[in-house]
C-alpha atoms as a PDB file:
ATOM      1  CA  MET A   1      -2.469  -0.522  14.408  1.00  0.00           C
ATOM      2  CA  GLN A   2      -0.419  -2.643  16.800  1.00  0.00           C
ATOM      3  CA  GLU A   3      -2.559  -5.672  15.893  1.00  0.00           C
ATOM      4  CA  LEU A   4      -1.143  -5.553  12.348  1.00  0.00           C
ATOM      5  CA  LEU A   5       2.398  -6.190  13.562  1.00  0.00           C
ATOM      6  CA  PRO A   6       3.706  -9.767  13.381  1.00  0.00           C
ATOM      7  CA  SER A   7       4.170 -11.638  16.617  1.00  0.00           C
ATOM      8  CA  SER A   8       7.749 -12.473  17.565  1.00  0.00           C
ATOM      9  CA  SER A   9       8.991 -16.040  17.759  1.00  0.00           C
ATOM     10  CA  SER A  10       7.741 -17.918  20.769  1.00  0.00           C
ATOM     11  CA  GLY A  11      10.025 -18.409  23.771  1.00  0.00           C
ATOM     12  CA  SER A  12      13.688 -19.308  23.626  1.00  0.00           C
ATOM     13  CA  SER A  13      14.883 -22.803  24.553  1.00  0.00           C
ATOM     14  CA  THR A  14      18.362 -21.469  25.385  1.00  0.00           C
ATOM     15  CA  GLY A  15      17.146 -19.360  28.296  1.00  0.00           C
ATOM     16  CA  LYS A  16      18.341 -16.189  26.539  1.00  0.00           C
ATOM     17  CA  PRO A  17      15.863 -13.368  26.014  1.00  0.00           C
ATOM     18  CA  VAL A  18      13.946 -13.570  22.735  1.00  0.00           C
ATOM     19  CA  ASP A  19      14.737 -10.794  20.263  1.00  0.00           C
ATOM     20  CA  PRO A  20      11.408  -8.948  19.890  1.00  0.00           C
ATOM     21  CA  THR A  21      12.318  -8.054  16.290  1.00  0.00           C
ATOM     22  CA  ALA A  22      12.898 -11.692  15.305  1.00  0.00           C
ATOM     23  CA  VAL A  23       9.983 -13.016  13.304  1.00  0.00           C
ATOM     24  CA  ASP A  24       9.654 -16.509  11.903  1.00  0.00           C
ATOM     25  CA  LYS A  25       8.975 -17.039   8.202  1.00  0.00           C
ATOM     26  CA  GLU A  26       5.337 -18.062   8.710  1.00  0.00           C
ATOM     27  CA  SER A  27       4.537 -15.003  10.842  1.00  0.00           C
ATOM     28  CA  LEU A  28       6.173 -12.726   8.303  1.00  0.00           C
ATOM     29  CA  ALA A  29       4.181 -14.304   5.443  1.00  0.00           C
ATOM     30  CA  ARG A  30       0.916 -13.780   7.381  1.00  0.00           C
ATOM     31  CA  TYR A  31       1.939 -10.201   8.149  1.00  0.00           C
ATOM     32  CA  VAL A  32       2.606  -9.445   4.474  1.00  0.00           C
ATOM     33  CA  GLU A  33      -0.845 -10.766   3.539  1.00  0.00           C
ATOM     34  CA  VAL A  34      -2.498  -8.654   6.253  1.00  0.00           C
ATOM     35  CA  VAL A  35      -0.646  -5.514   5.160  1.00  0.00           C
ATOM     36  CA  LYS A  36      -1.647  -6.039   1.527  1.00  0.00           C
ATOM     37  CA  ALA A  37      -5.350  -5.738   2.400  1.00  0.00           C
ATOM     38  CA  LYS A  38      -6.607  -2.405   1.085  1.00  0.00           C
ATOM     39  CA  ASP A  39      -8.321  -1.399   4.353  1.00  0.00           C
ATOM     40  CA  ASN A  40      -5.098  -2.038   6.271  1.00  0.00           C
ATOM     41  CA  VAL A  41      -3.078  -0.019   3.756  1.00  0.00           C
ATOM     42  CA  ARG A  42      -5.532   2.843   4.264  1.00  0.00           C
ATOM     43  CA  LEU A  43      -5.105   2.554   8.033  1.00  0.00           C
ATOM     44  CA  ILE A  44      -1.313   2.593   7.722  1.00  0.00           C
ATOM     45  CA  MET A  45      -1.360   5.582   5.343  1.00  0.00           C
ATOM     46  CA  LYS A  46      -3.748   7.510   7.636  1.00  0.00           C
ATOM     47  CA  THR A  47      -1.519   6.749  10.619  1.00  0.00           C
ATOM     48  CA  LEU A  48       1.546   7.937   8.689  1.00  0.00           C
ATOM     49  CA  GLN A  49      -0.279  11.081   7.577  1.00  0.00           C
ATOM     50  CA  ASP A  50      -1.290  11.891  11.170  1.00  0.00           C
ATOM     51  CA  ALA A  51       2.080  11.019  12.731  1.00  0.00           C
ATOM     52  CA  ALA A  52       4.411  12.502  10.114  1.00  0.00           C
ATOM     53  CA  PRO A  53       2.569  14.762   7.663  1.00  0.00           C
ATOM     54  CA  GLU A  54       5.743  15.986   5.957  1.00  0.00           C
ATOM     55  CA  LEU A  55       6.939  12.438   5.381  1.00  0.00           C
ATOM     56  CA  TYR A  56       3.514  11.398   4.073  1.00  0.00           C
ATOM     57  CA  GLN A  57       3.480  14.389   1.729  1.00  0.00           C
ATOM     58  CA  ALA A  58       6.914  13.509   0.302  1.00  0.00           C
ATOM     59  CA  MET A  59       6.500   9.732   0.121  1.00  0.00           C
ATOM     60  CA  VAL A  60       2.848   9.365  -0.824  1.00  0.00           C
ATOM     61  CA  ALA A  61       0.904  12.502  -1.762  1.00  0.00           C
ATOM     62  CA  GLU A  62       3.511  14.064  -4.074  1.00  0.00           C
ATOM     63  CA  ARG A  63       4.076  10.743  -5.829  1.00  0.00           C
ATOM     64  CA  ASP A  64       0.324  10.214  -6.213  1.00  0.00           C
ATOM     65  CA  GLU A  65       0.023  13.589  -7.896  1.00  0.00           C
ATOM     66  CA  TYR A  66       3.094  13.013 -10.090  1.00  0.00           C
ATOM     67  CA  MET A  67       1.807   9.634 -11.316  1.00  0.00           C
ATOM     68  CA  ALA A  68      -1.713  10.968 -11.871  1.00  0.00           C
ATOM     69  CA  LYS A  69      -0.454  13.945 -13.854  1.00  0.00           C
ATOM     70  CA  GLY A  70       1.598  11.602 -16.043  1.00  0.00           C
ATOM     71  CA  LEU A  71      -1.402   9.355 -16.629  1.00  0.00           C
ATOM     72  CA  ASN A  72      -3.607  12.365 -17.304  1.00  0.00           C
ATOM     73  CA  LYS A  73      -1.317  13.308 -20.224  1.00  0.00           C
ATOM     74  CA  ILE A  74      -1.987   9.956 -21.909  1.00  0.00           C
ATOM     75  CA  ASP A  75      -5.268  10.776 -23.588  1.00  0.00           C
ATOM     76  CA  MET A  76      -4.609   9.293 -27.028  1.00  0.00           C
ATOM     77  CA  PHE A  77      -5.798   5.821 -25.952  1.00  0.00           C
ATOM     78  CA  PRO A  78      -9.385   4.736 -25.249  1.00  0.00           C
ATOM     79  CA  SER A  79      -8.287   3.036 -22.012  1.00  0.00           C
ATOM     80  CA  THR A  80      -5.210   2.962 -19.821  1.00  0.00           C
ATOM     81  CA  VAL A  81      -3.823   0.399 -17.391  1.00  0.00           C
ATOM     82  CA  ALA A  82      -1.500   1.607 -14.646  1.00  0.00           C
ATOM     83  CA  VAL A  83       0.452  -0.563 -12.220  1.00  0.00           C
ATOM     84  CA  MET A  84       1.509   0.985  -8.915  1.00  0.00           C
ATOM     85  CA  GLY A  85       1.937   0.183  -5.267  1.00  0.00           C
ATOM     86  CA  ILE A  86      -1.318  -0.245  -3.360  1.00  0.00           C
ATOM     87  CA  ALA A  87      -0.543   2.736  -1.114  1.00  0.00           C
ATOM     88  CA  HIS A  88      -0.837   5.047  -4.143  1.00  0.00           C
ATOM     89  CA  VAL A  89      -4.054   3.715  -5.690  1.00  0.00           C
ATOM     90  CA  ASP A  90      -6.556   5.815  -3.705  1.00  0.00           C
ATOM     91  CA  GLY A  91      -4.664   9.083  -4.210  1.00  0.00           C
ATOM     92  CA  VAL A  92      -4.114   8.554  -7.931  1.00  0.00           C
ATOM     93  CA  GLU A  93      -7.755   7.503  -8.442  1.00  0.00           C
ATOM     94  CA  ARG A  94      -8.951  10.552  -6.502  1.00  0.00           C
ATOM     95  CA  TYR A  95      -6.790  12.905  -8.579  1.00  0.00           C
ATOM     96  CA  LEU A  96      -7.787  11.331 -11.893  1.00  0.00           C
ATOM     97  CA  GLY A  97     -11.470  11.231 -10.906  1.00  0.00           C
ATOM     98  CA  GLY A  98     -11.265  14.968 -10.326  1.00  0.00           C
ATOM     99  CA  ASN A  99     -10.025  15.281 -13.904  1.00  0.00           C
ATOM    100  CA  GLY A 100     -12.942  13.395 -15.442  1.00  0.00           C
ATOM    101  CA  TRP A 101     -11.496   9.880 -15.523  1.00  0.00           C
ATOM    102  CA  THR A 102     -13.794   6.915 -14.934  1.00  0.00           C
ATOM    103  CA  ASN A 103     -12.610   3.967 -12.856  1.00  0.00           C
ATOM    104  CA  ILE A 104     -13.435   0.554 -14.280  1.00  0.00           C
ATOM    105  CA  LYS A 105     -12.681  -2.730 -12.562  1.00  0.00           C
ATOM    106  CA  ALA A 106     -10.536  -5.298 -14.359  1.00  0.00           C
ATOM    107  CA  SER A 107     -11.964  -8.738 -15.000  1.00  0.00           C
ATOM    108  CA  GLY A 108      -9.030 -10.404 -13.282  1.00  0.00           C
ATOM    109  CA  CYS A 109      -8.315 -12.783 -16.160  1.00  0.00           C
ATOM    110  CA  MET A 110      -5.039 -13.116 -18.002  1.00  0.00           C
ATOM    111  CA  PRO A 111      -3.955 -15.388 -20.850  1.00  0.00           C
ATOM    112  CA  LYS A 112      -1.339 -18.028 -20.067  1.00  0.00           C
END
C-alpha cells in the first residue's frame, strides 16, 4: 500500500532537511486520483479492516449497514439513486443484494 502514498517534494535548495510530510500540489492531485480508483479503495479498506478491525467496524461496516437499511425502507419507488462515499459502495451493495435489490449501472449522462 506504500506505493499509493504521494512522494514528498524533491530536495531542498536551502540545505535544510525536507519535511517528509510536505507534498506539492501536483503530487497531491495525482494521489487523490489514485485513491479514488475503486480497486485502491478496496485495498485501503481491506488494510484498515486487517489493521484495526474495531475502527473499520465503526467507520465503515456499521455505516454501510445503516445506509443500506435506510435505503431498504424506500420501496415505494420503482428505482432509487443513492449517493455515498466510494468506501461504502461495496458494503451497501452487498447488503442490499442480500435483500433482493438489483444493481443497475447508470448511463453516466446528465442534462446541462
